[in-house]
Protein backbone atom coordinates (compact mmCIF):
# COMPACT_ATOMS: atom_id res chain seq x y z
CA MET A 1 50.95 -87.49 -22.56
CA ALA A 2 54.13 -86.18 -24.52
CA ILE A 3 53.47 -82.96 -23.29
CA LYS A 4 54.79 -83.67 -19.74
CA ASP A 5 58.41 -84.27 -21.55
CA THR A 6 58.51 -80.74 -22.95
CA LEU A 7 58.04 -79.42 -19.26
CA GLN A 8 60.56 -79.23 -16.14
CA GLY A 9 60.29 -78.52 -12.50
CA ALA A 10 57.03 -77.18 -10.82
CA LYS A 11 55.15 -76.80 -14.21
CA ARG A 12 55.95 -80.63 -15.08
CA GLU A 13 54.68 -81.65 -11.61
CA ASN A 14 51.50 -79.48 -11.45
CA THR A 15 50.59 -80.94 -15.01
CA ILE A 16 51.13 -84.82 -14.11
CA VAL A 17 48.86 -84.18 -10.95
CA ALA A 18 46.15 -82.47 -13.28
CA LEU A 19 46.50 -85.36 -15.76
CA ARG A 20 46.05 -87.94 -13.19
CA SER A 21 42.75 -86.15 -11.39
CA LEU A 22 41.41 -86.15 -15.19
CA MET A 23 42.20 -89.80 -15.56
CA ARG A 24 40.74 -90.91 -12.44
CA PHE A 25 37.65 -88.96 -13.23
CA CYS A 26 37.62 -90.48 -16.67
CA ARG A 27 38.16 -93.91 -15.58
CA LYS A 28 35.41 -93.52 -12.75
CA THR A 29 32.71 -92.16 -15.32
CA GLY A 30 33.71 -95.25 -17.63
CA ARG A 31 35.33 -93.26 -20.53
CA ILE A 32 38.59 -95.15 -20.30
CA PHE A 33 39.66 -98.72 -18.94
CA ARG A 34 43.18 -98.23 -18.18
CA ASP A 35 45.18 -95.22 -16.51
CA PRO A 36 48.21 -94.06 -18.43
CA THR A 37 49.49 -91.90 -15.45
CA LEU A 38 49.76 -94.61 -13.18
CA ARG A 39 53.53 -95.54 -14.32
CA ILE A 40 54.67 -91.88 -14.27
CA ARG A 41 56.67 -90.89 -11.30
CA ILE A 42 57.32 -87.51 -9.72
CA ALA A 43 60.85 -86.78 -8.76
CA ARG A 44 60.80 -85.37 -5.22
CA ARG A 45 62.25 -82.28 -4.68
CA PRO A 46 64.81 -81.50 -2.07
CA ASP A 47 63.72 -79.65 0.49
CA LYS A 48 64.91 -75.84 0.51
CA VAL A 49 67.62 -75.25 3.04
CA ILE A 50 66.51 -73.60 6.01
CA LEU A 51 68.44 -70.48 7.02
CA PRO A 52 68.19 -68.08 9.89
CA LEU A 53 67.13 -64.35 9.42
CA ALA A 54 70.29 -61.87 9.86
CA SER A 55 70.20 -59.80 12.87
CA GLY A 56 69.80 -56.59 10.68
CA GLU A 57 67.03 -57.70 9.39
CA ILE A 58 65.34 -58.67 12.55
CA ASP A 59 66.26 -55.21 13.75
CA ARG A 60 64.41 -53.38 10.75
CA ALA A 61 61.08 -55.34 11.63
CA VAL A 62 61.27 -54.32 15.38
CA ALA A 63 61.97 -50.81 14.34
CA ALA A 64 58.66 -50.69 11.99
CA ALA A 65 56.65 -51.92 14.99
CA THR A 66 55.23 -48.38 15.80
CA THR A 67 51.50 -49.23 16.79
CA PRO A 68 50.39 -51.57 19.79
CA ALA A 69 48.89 -53.79 16.97
CA ILE A 70 52.06 -54.02 14.79
CA ARG A 71 54.07 -55.20 18.15
CA LEU A 72 51.76 -57.68 19.38
CA ILE A 73 51.88 -59.25 15.67
CA LEU A 74 55.43 -59.21 15.41
CA ALA A 75 55.74 -61.01 18.94
CA LEU A 76 53.11 -63.76 18.11
CA ALA A 77 55.36 -64.38 15.20
CA ALA A 78 58.79 -64.07 16.36
CA ILE A 79 58.08 -65.42 19.62
CA HIS A 80 55.30 -68.05 19.28
CA ALA A 81 55.98 -69.04 15.69
CA ALA A 82 52.25 -68.26 14.89
CA ARG A 83 51.09 -67.85 11.30
CA PRO A 84 48.86 -64.91 10.25
CA LYS A 85 45.74 -66.97 10.19
CA MET A 86 46.28 -68.06 13.66
CA ILE A 87 46.93 -64.55 14.78
CA ARG A 88 43.72 -63.48 13.15
CA ASP A 89 41.75 -66.25 14.76
CA LEU A 90 43.13 -65.54 18.01
CA ARG A 91 40.30 -64.61 20.56
CA LEU A 92 39.88 -62.97 23.68
CA ASP A 93 39.44 -66.15 25.85
CA ASP A 94 42.53 -67.58 24.39
CA ILE A 95 44.51 -65.05 26.73
CA ASP A 96 45.00 -66.06 30.47
CA LEU A 97 47.06 -63.28 31.34
CA GLY A 98 46.65 -64.42 35.32
CA ASN A 99 48.12 -68.09 34.35
CA HIS A 100 50.41 -66.46 31.72
CA ARG A 101 49.12 -68.76 29.26
CA ILE A 102 47.96 -68.10 25.58
CA THR A 103 46.08 -70.57 23.22
CA ILE A 104 47.40 -70.36 19.65
CA GLY A 105 45.87 -72.45 16.84
CA GLY A 106 44.32 -74.46 19.63
CA HIS A 107 47.79 -75.06 21.40
CA PRO A 108 48.24 -73.81 24.85
CA ARG A 109 51.63 -72.14 25.43
CA PRO A 110 53.58 -70.40 28.29
CA LEU A 111 52.96 -66.51 27.75
CA ASP A 112 56.49 -65.00 27.87
CA GLU A 113 57.00 -61.19 29.61
CA LEU A 114 57.60 -59.73 26.35
CA THR A 115 54.38 -61.01 24.79
CA ARG A 116 52.37 -60.22 27.77
CA ARG A 117 53.56 -56.51 27.82
CA ALA A 118 52.47 -56.29 24.06
CA LEU A 119 48.93 -57.67 25.07
CA LEU A 120 48.44 -55.26 27.64
CA ALA A 121 49.42 -52.59 25.70
CA TRP A 122 47.10 -53.71 22.80
CA LEU A 123 44.09 -54.29 25.17
CA GLY A 124 44.61 -51.02 26.57
CA TYR A 125 44.37 -49.59 23.08
CA ARG A 126 41.47 -51.66 22.26
CA ARG A 127 39.37 -50.82 25.00
CA SER A 128 39.79 -47.14 24.79
CA ARG A 129 39.15 -47.44 20.80
CA TRP A 130 36.19 -49.86 20.88
CA PRO A 131 34.90 -49.75 24.23
CA ASN A 132 31.62 -51.22 23.29
CA THR A 133 32.45 -53.93 20.79
CA ALA A 134 31.24 -57.33 20.96
CA ASN A 135 33.74 -58.91 18.47
CA PRO A 136 35.46 -61.72 20.28
CA HIS A 137 38.30 -61.62 18.46
CA LEU A 138 41.73 -60.42 19.97
CA LEU A 139 42.72 -57.95 17.18
CA LEU A 140 40.37 -55.37 15.79
CA THR A 141 40.24 -52.92 13.20
CA GLN A 142 37.61 -50.12 12.71
CA HIS A 143 35.50 -52.25 10.34
CA SER A 144 35.98 -55.83 12.21
CA ALA A 145 34.81 -53.70 15.51
CA MET A 146 31.25 -53.42 13.94
CA ALA A 147 31.10 -57.16 13.25
CA ASN A 148 32.19 -60.43 14.59
CA SER A 149 34.58 -61.34 12.00
CA PRO A 150 38.48 -61.56 12.43
CA VAL A 151 40.71 -58.81 10.74
CA GLY A 152 41.56 -59.21 7.23
CA LYS A 153 44.68 -61.10 6.12
CA LEU A 154 46.51 -58.27 4.46
CA TRP A 155 45.78 -56.09 7.36
CA VAL A 156 47.78 -58.71 9.43
CA THR A 157 50.52 -59.21 7.15
CA ASN A 158 51.01 -55.37 5.79
CA ALA A 159 52.91 -55.17 9.64
CA VAL A 160 56.06 -55.97 7.94
CA ARG A 161 55.19 -54.87 4.38
CA GLY A 162 58.39 -54.71 2.36
CA LEU A 163 60.68 -56.01 4.92
CA THR A 164 62.64 -59.27 4.33
CA ALA A 165 61.72 -60.40 7.81
CA THR A 166 58.10 -61.35 6.87
CA LEU A 167 55.72 -62.86 9.57
CA GLU A 168 56.52 -66.01 7.68
CA ARG A 169 60.45 -65.83 7.76
CA LEU A 170 59.96 -64.76 11.51
CA ARG A 171 57.94 -67.99 12.20
CA ILE A 172 60.44 -70.01 10.43
CA ASP A 173 63.50 -68.16 12.25
CA ARG A 174 61.82 -68.86 15.69
CA GLN A 175 61.17 -72.49 15.13
CA LEU A 176 64.74 -72.89 13.65
CA GLU A 177 66.03 -70.94 16.65
CA GLU A 178 64.42 -73.34 19.04
CA VAL A 179 66.27 -76.34 17.46
CA LEU A 180 69.82 -74.62 17.30
CA THR A 181 69.26 -73.81 20.98
CA ARG A 182 67.57 -76.88 22.27
CA GLY A 183 69.13 -79.31 20.04
CA PRO A 184 67.67 -80.94 17.06
CA ASP A 185 65.01 -82.74 18.64
CA PRO A 186 61.70 -83.12 16.54
CA LEU A 187 59.60 -84.20 19.27
CA HIS A 188 60.24 -81.21 21.49
CA LEU A 189 59.97 -78.63 18.53
CA ALA A 190 56.41 -80.55 17.64
CA THR A 191 55.18 -80.54 21.27
CA MET A 192 56.23 -76.77 21.73
CA PHE A 193 54.67 -75.44 18.22
CA GLY A 194 51.90 -77.95 17.67
CA ILE A 195 53.60 -78.59 14.24
CA ASP A 196 53.61 -81.97 12.35
CA ASP A 197 56.39 -84.44 12.62
CA LYS A 198 57.23 -84.40 9.17
CA THR A 199 57.91 -80.38 9.33
CA ALA A 200 59.58 -80.96 12.94
CA ILE A 201 62.18 -83.27 11.41
CA ARG A 202 62.78 -81.04 8.44
CA TYR A 203 64.01 -78.28 11.18
CA ALA A 204 65.80 -81.00 13.15
CA ASN A 205 67.71 -81.77 9.90
CA ALA A 206 67.96 -77.86 9.03
CA ALA A 207 69.57 -77.48 12.43
CA ARG A 208 72.22 -80.48 12.21
CA HIS A 209 73.29 -79.09 8.87
CA LEU A 210 73.82 -75.79 10.28
CA LEU A 211 75.29 -76.97 13.63
CA GLN A 212 77.87 -79.15 11.53
CA THR A 213 78.74 -76.22 8.98
CA THR A 214 79.71 -73.85 12.09
CA ALA A 215 81.52 -76.72 13.40
CA GLU A 216 83.49 -77.24 10.34
CA THR A 217 84.04 -73.51 9.59
CA PRO A 218 87.59 -72.33 11.04
CA GLU A 219 87.86 -69.45 13.34
CA PRO A 220 89.49 -66.20 11.48
CA PRO A 221 93.02 -65.58 12.68
């Protein structure tokens, strides 16, 4: 157990977690009678500060959206805070253009006009490119159009390859923007994006910190 004292940070935490798992197994199988890891405490790491993206970083992501597929992927991440897996898993029946609704990750949401235009452009391309495909997923590639599986993970994330405004950063920025605009209300954020309470509270705390910092910063003369 002395090895834990030679480690710091994430390595120490991972080692302790692995040791605990090993000791539980040994105790369950009768190889030991006392778990020496029970008294070990892992210090809780403070949450990373959530900061908004700079406008230039977002502009570069928008400029990179040169195809209907990339424009739709960016809209889903930047407007609806959709994770890459949620984007990949979207199906045609998740889109209700008539009622201006979209279901992302099982969570129904209003369909804004910008995303609606991106959807219409992509659906038009999809129909002309793969008119006979039976794949029920919204996004397609040449490979997935011949099957029923979603597009690959890298295909989606490559939409903003090399940019600071990755899909994950765009998703985080959208949720932060919501609490900065509507106020640090975790319940509203959880309801709107379908995130868990702990994550919603973290965004609310980040918004309070940013709003307080902005209020305390004197305006330039």
